[in-house]
Protein backbone atom coordinates (compact mmCIF):
# COMPACT_ATOMS: atom_id res chain seq x y z
CA MET A 1 -16.58 81.77 5.71
CA LYS A 2 -12.94 79.96 6.89
CA ASN A 3 -15.06 77.68 9.14
CA VAL A 4 -17.41 76.80 6.19
CA TRP A 5 -14.28 76.29 3.90
CA LYS A 6 -12.42 74.34 6.80
CA THR A 7 -15.32 71.78 7.84
CA LEU A 8 -15.20 71.42 3.59
CA LEU A 9 -11.60 70.51 3.31
CA THR A 10 -11.98 68.34 6.36
CA ALA A 11 -14.76 66.49 4.62
CA ALA A 12 -13.08 65.87 1.27
CA LEU A 13 -9.79 64.72 3.13
CA VAL A 14 -11.38 61.82 5.34
CA ALA A 15 -13.25 60.79 2.09
CA SER A 16 -9.95 60.82 0.24
CA MET A 17 -8.60 59.12 3.12
CA ALA A 18 -11.41 55.93 3.26
CA THR A 19 -11.14 55.56 -0.86
CA ALA A 20 -7.40 55.07 -0.57
CA ALA A 21 -7.59 52.65 2.09
CA GLY A 22 -10.72 50.73 0.35
CA CYS A 23 -8.52 50.80 -2.46
CA GLY A 24 -5.47 49.27 -0.01
CA THR A 25 -7.64 46.28 1.04
CA THR A 26 -8.75 45.92 -2.43
CA ASP A 27 -5.21 45.28 -3.45
CA THR A 28 -4.23 43.45 -0.53
CA SER A 29 -6.59 40.60 -1.32
CA THR A 30 -5.98 40.79 -4.99
CA ALA A 31 -2.28 40.26 -4.19
CA SER A 32 -3.17 36.84 -1.45
CA ASP A 33 -5.40 35.46 -3.99
CA ASP A 34 -2.65 35.64 -6.46
CA ALA A 35 -0.58 34.28 -4.04
CA ALA A 36 -2.56 31.53 -3.07
CA GLN A 37 -2.99 30.46 -6.75
CA GLU A 38 0.93 30.27 -7.66
CA GLN A 39 1.47 27.72 -4.98
CA PHE A 40 1.84 23.69 -5.62
CA VAL A 41 0.27 22.56 -2.32
CA PHE A 42 1.13 18.99 -2.16
CA ALA A 43 0.77 15.93 0.87
CA ASN A 44 1.92 12.53 1.54
CA SER A 45 2.27 10.38 4.93
CA GLY A 46 5.90 11.26 5.64
CA ALA A 47 6.25 7.48 6.42
CA TYR A 48 6.81 6.09 3.28
CA ARG A 49 10.62 5.49 3.18
CA PRO A 50 12.60 6.25 0.73
CA PHE A 51 9.78 7.72 -0.93
CA SER A 52 8.41 9.98 1.79
CA PHE A 53 10.14 10.55 5.42
CA ASP A 54 11.63 11.71 8.27
CA GLU A 55 15.45 12.69 7.79
CA SER A 56 16.42 15.06 11.13
CA GLY A 57 13.01 16.77 11.39
CA GLU A 58 12.38 16.85 7.53
CA ILE A 59 10.48 15.65 5.36
CA VAL A 60 12.65 14.05 2.31
CA GLY A 61 12.50 11.58 -0.68
CA PHE A 62 11.74 10.35 -4.12
CA ASP A 63 8.11 11.81 -3.74
CA VAL A 64 9.16 14.70 -2.07
CA ASP A 65 11.88 15.32 -5.20
CA ILE A 66 9.36 14.76 -8.01
CA ALA A 67 6.90 16.69 -6.26
CA ASN A 68 9.32 20.29 -5.95
CA GLU A 69 10.61 19.20 -9.62
CA ILE A 70 6.70 19.60 -10.64
CA ALA A 71 5.90 22.88 -8.95
CA LYS A 72 8.98 24.61 -10.54
CA ARG A 73 8.53 23.30 -14.05
CA ILE A 74 4.60 24.70 -13.80
CA ASP A 75 6.07 27.99 -12.33
CA ARG A 76 4.19 27.18 -8.64
CA GLU A 77 5.64 27.53 -5.11
CA PRO A 78 5.99 23.87 -3.46
CA VAL A 79 4.31 23.89 -0.17
CA MET A 80 3.95 20.35 1.49
CA GLN A 81 1.76 19.55 4.37
CA SER A 82 2.78 18.24 7.29
CA PRO A 83 2.52 14.30 7.15
CA VAL A 84 -1.09 12.91 6.73
CA PRO A 85 -1.71 9.36 7.69
CA PHE A 86 -1.68 7.30 4.24
CA ASP A 87 -5.18 6.35 4.78
CA THR A 88 -6.96 9.89 5.18
CA LEU A 89 -4.71 11.66 2.27
CA ILE A 90 -7.27 10.74 -0.63
CA GLN A 91 -10.28 12.14 2.03
CA GLY A 92 -8.34 15.21 2.46
CA LEU A 93 -7.69 16.04 -1.21
CA LYS A 94 -11.16 15.91 -1.96
CA ALA A 95 -12.76 18.29 1.13
CA GLY A 96 -9.63 20.88 -1.05
CA LYS A 97 -6.55 20.58 1.28
CA TYR A 98 -4.13 20.15 -1.17
CA ASP A 99 -3.90 20.50 -5.17
CA ALA A 100 -2.39 17.17 -5.33
CA LEU A 101 -1.28 14.25 -3.24
CA VAL A 102 2.19 12.34 -4.55
CA ALA A 103 2.12 10.04 -2.26
CA SER A 104 3.06 6.60 -4.05
CA HIS A 105 -1.22 6.05 -4.65
CA GLY A 106 -1.50 2.94 -7.09
CA ILE A 107 -3.93 3.73 -9.99
CA THR A 108 -6.80 1.56 -8.98
CA ALA A 109 -9.90 1.43 -10.48
CA GLU A 110 -11.90 2.79 -6.69
CA ARG A 111 -9.81 5.43 -6.57
CA GLU A 112 -10.53 7.09 -9.85
CA GLU A 113 -13.78 6.88 -9.20
CA GLN A 114 -13.00 9.56 -6.12
CA VAL A 115 -9.66 11.02 -7.43
CA ASP A 116 -8.00 12.09 -11.31
CA PHE A 117 -4.61 10.49 -11.63
CA THR A 118 -1.40 11.48 -14.10
CA THR A 119 0.02 8.94 -16.52
CA PRO A 120 2.17 6.54 -14.19
CA TYR A 121 5.59 7.86 -12.57
CA TYR A 122 6.52 4.73 -12.13
CA ARG A 123 6.15 0.88 -11.49
CA SER A 124 6.44 -1.39 -8.92
CA GLY A 125 4.16 -4.16 -7.18
CA ALA A 126 3.40 -6.28 -4.35
CA GLN A 127 5.64 -8.41 -2.74
CA ILE A 128 5.48 -11.05 0.44
CA PHE A 129 8.52 -10.34 2.47
CA VAL A 130 9.48 -12.53 5.97
CA ALA A 131 12.49 -12.45 8.43
CA ALA A 132 15.49 -14.24 7.16
CA GLY A 133 16.00 -17.64 8.00
CA THR A 134 12.27 -18.81 7.29
CA THR A 135 12.06 -22.19 5.70
CA ASP A 136 7.88 -22.50 6.28
CA ILE A 137 6.99 -19.45 3.76
CA ALA A 138 8.09 -19.51 0.25
CA GLY A 139 5.19 -17.77 -1.44
CA PRO A 140 1.63 -17.21 -1.60
CA ASP A 141 0.16 -20.80 -0.99
CA ASP A 142 1.85 -20.89 2.36
CA LEU A 143 0.31 -17.67 4.09
CA GLY A 144 -2.75 -19.48 5.04
CA GLY A 145 -3.21 -19.10 8.49
CA THR A 146 -0.43 -16.95 8.88
CA LYS A 147 -0.38 -13.46 10.54
CA ILE A 148 0.18 -10.54 7.91
CA GLY A 149 1.08 -7.50 8.49
CA VAL A 150 0.24 -4.52 6.14
CA VAL A 151 -0.33 -0.76 5.36
CA LYS A 152 -3.78 0.35 5.92
CA ALA A 153 -5.55 1.47 3.12
CA SER A 154 -3.04 0.14 0.38
CA THR A 155 -3.96 -1.58 -1.91
CA TYR A 156 -2.65 -4.79 -0.38
CA LEU A 157 -4.81 -4.88 1.94
CA ASP A 158 -7.24 -6.63 0.14
CA LEU A 159 -4.54 -9.18 -1.07
CA ALA A 160 -3.82 -10.00 2.44
CA LYS A 161 -7.24 -10.68 3.12
CA GLY A 162 -7.48 -12.97 0.26
CA LEU A 163 -4.35 -15.06 1.63
CA THR A 164 -5.19 -15.59 5.54
CA ASP A 165 -8.09 -14.69 7.61
CA GLU A 166 -9.16 -11.63 8.36
CA GLY A 167 -8.33 -11.74 11.96
CA ASN A 168 -4.95 -12.42 11.14
CA VAL A 169 -4.31 -8.95 9.09
CA THR A 170 -2.89 -6.71 11.45
CA THR A 171 -2.71 -3.07 9.47
CA TYR A 172 0.14 -0.34 10.03
CA ASP A 173 0.22 3.12 9.53
CA SER A 174 4.08 2.83 8.42
CA ASP A 175 5.53 0.10 6.28
CA VAL A 176 9.02 0.05 8.28
CA VAL A 177 7.47 -0.34 11.56
CA ALA A 178 5.13 -3.30 9.71
CA LEU A 179 8.65 -4.76 8.65
CA GLN A 180 10.34 -4.20 11.81
CA ASP A 181 7.30 -6.42 13.36
CA LEU A 182 8.09 -9.19 10.84
CA VAL A 183 11.93 -9.55 12.18
CA THR A 184 10.38 -9.59 15.54
CA GLY A 185 8.09 -11.95 15.11
CA ARG A 186 4.89 -10.18 15.94
CA VAL A 187 3.51 -10.87 12.17
CA ASP A 188 4.58 -14.09 9.93
CA ALA A 189 4.83 -12.01 6.52
CA VAL A 190 4.53 -8.46 5.24
CA ILE A 191 2.94 -7.15 1.95
CA THR A 192 4.31 -4.24 0.55
CA ASP A 193 5.88 -2.85 -2.16
CA LYS A 194 9.31 -4.18 -3.33
CA LEU A 195 11.45 -1.24 -3.68
CA VAL A 196 10.27 -0.57 -0.10
CA GLY A 197 11.10 -3.85 1.38
CA PHE A 198 14.40 -3.67 -0.34
CA MET A 199 15.16 -0.08 0.56
CA ALA A 200 14.63 -1.41 4.26
CA ARG A 201 16.92 -4.02 4.18
CA ASN A 202 19.35 -2.56 2.32
CA ASP A 203 19.34 0.83 4.08
CA SER A 204 18.20 0.02 7.37
CA GLY A 205 20.05 -3.24 7.77
CA LEU A 206 16.64 -5.37 8.54
CA GLU A 207 16.89 -8.88 8.55
CA ILE A 208 14.25 -9.91 5.77
CA GLU A 209 13.95 -11.51 2.47
CA ALA A 210 11.33 -11.72 -0.49
CA VAL A 211 9.85 -14.93 -1.29
CA GLY A 212 7.69 -16.03 -4.27
CA ASP A 213 6.73 -13.73 -7.09
CA VAL A 214 5.38 -10.33 -7.29
CA LEU A 215 1.55 -10.67 -6.31
CA GLN A 216 0.79 -8.11 -8.92
CA GLU A 217 2.00 -5.20 -10.89
CA ASP A 218 1.33 -1.83 -9.36
CA GLU A 219 1.44 1.80 -11.52
CA MET A 220 1.77 4.57 -9.92
CA GLY A 221 0.03 8.11 -10.38
CA ILE A 222 -0.10 11.58 -8.36
CA ALA A 223 -3.61 12.28 -7.53
CA VAL A 224 -5.48 15.39 -8.39
CA GLN A 225 -9.18 16.67 -7.59
CA GLU A 226 -11.79 15.53 -10.05
CA SER A 227 -12.53 17.42 -13.13
CA ASP A 228 -9.38 19.20 -12.08
CA SER A 229 -8.23 18.73 -15.71
CA GLU A 230 -6.01 22.26 -15.95
CA LEU A 231 -3.70 20.92 -13.03
CA LEU A 232 -3.64 17.09 -14.53
CA ASP A 233 -2.65 18.11 -17.44
CA ALA A 234 0.27 20.63 -16.33
CA ILE A 235 1.56 17.88 -14.16
CA ASN A 236 1.54 14.94 -17.59
CA SER A 237 3.43 17.77 -19.25
CA ALA A 238 6.18 18.14 -16.24
CA LEU A 239 6.17 14.56 -15.84
CA GLU A 240 7.13 14.47 -19.86
CA ASP A 241 9.54 16.31 -19.84
CA MET A 242 11.47 15.55 -16.99
CA ILE A 243 11.53 11.71 -18.76
CA ALA A 244 12.73 13.16 -21.87
CA ASP A 245 15.66 15.37 -20.55
CA GLY A 246 17.23 13.07 -17.66
CA THR A 247 15.66 15.35 -14.48
CA TYR A 248 13.54 12.30 -13.84
CA GLU A 249 16.06 9.43 -14.15
CA GLU A 250 18.33 11.17 -11.74
CA ILE A 251 15.96 11.63 -8.79
CA SER A 252 15.47 7.75 -8.97
CA MET A 253 19.23 7.58 -9.65
CA ARG A 254 19.63 9.51 -6.29
CA TRP A 255 17.20 7.10 -4.00
CA PHE A 256 17.47 4.07 -5.84
CA ASN A 257 20.02 3.69 -7.69
CA GLU A 258 18.22 2.98 -10.80
CA ASN A 259 15.33 4.33 -12.93
CA ILE A 260 12.10 3.02 -11.45
CA LEU A 261 9.85 4.19 -14.36
CA GLY A 262 9.94 1.14 -15.95
CA GLN A 263 9.99 -1.28 -13.09
């Protein structure tokens, strides 16, 4: 009889341990899922000074600060992915690798067919830059037959192709590298965001200058996956609050010494 009771008690103990282990596994999975849902995973190129760039091994910049502040206001943990080439960012977003792109994407009809954009979080425009002292390029009409540098997959690529022969357009992963090639004479002109060009000139000491008027006005948006209306609304609300309470201007002044929302 003792052996029978011993067998029954052993079986009950094993069953109890199995149940507890099963419950523990379920709880761990749920906790992990909840943690993932609380993250705000965003990406940028890390090669677009002063919006996102490497500083002593850390990606910093205006876009990074904006993304971190948004995460705080929507009660999520900010998680920035390692720098991604600009021309692959939208594909990564569509594949679900990130929640959002805080990467200075110009809002265009073509891009809106693939992703959803927030309201504009800053405005700028396409500007022609030439090496300091250049006398034969004063505007877009002088670019025929010249070598033009431009970033891959940027909204400025088509502009460049329309101003010179397509074979004369050189594409880059980074605006800074393109502007450095401008100084060394590898290209005759660079079309980039005017703020990026001015920062490169002022902070890096590049001997470049802007010529002509802005070629096109650009509104920049934060991209999310199509139909992710809940996140889109949350980010828009966070941006609106940041602008209203002065946080946006504080971040902008930190990087540009002016408020770039209305540029």
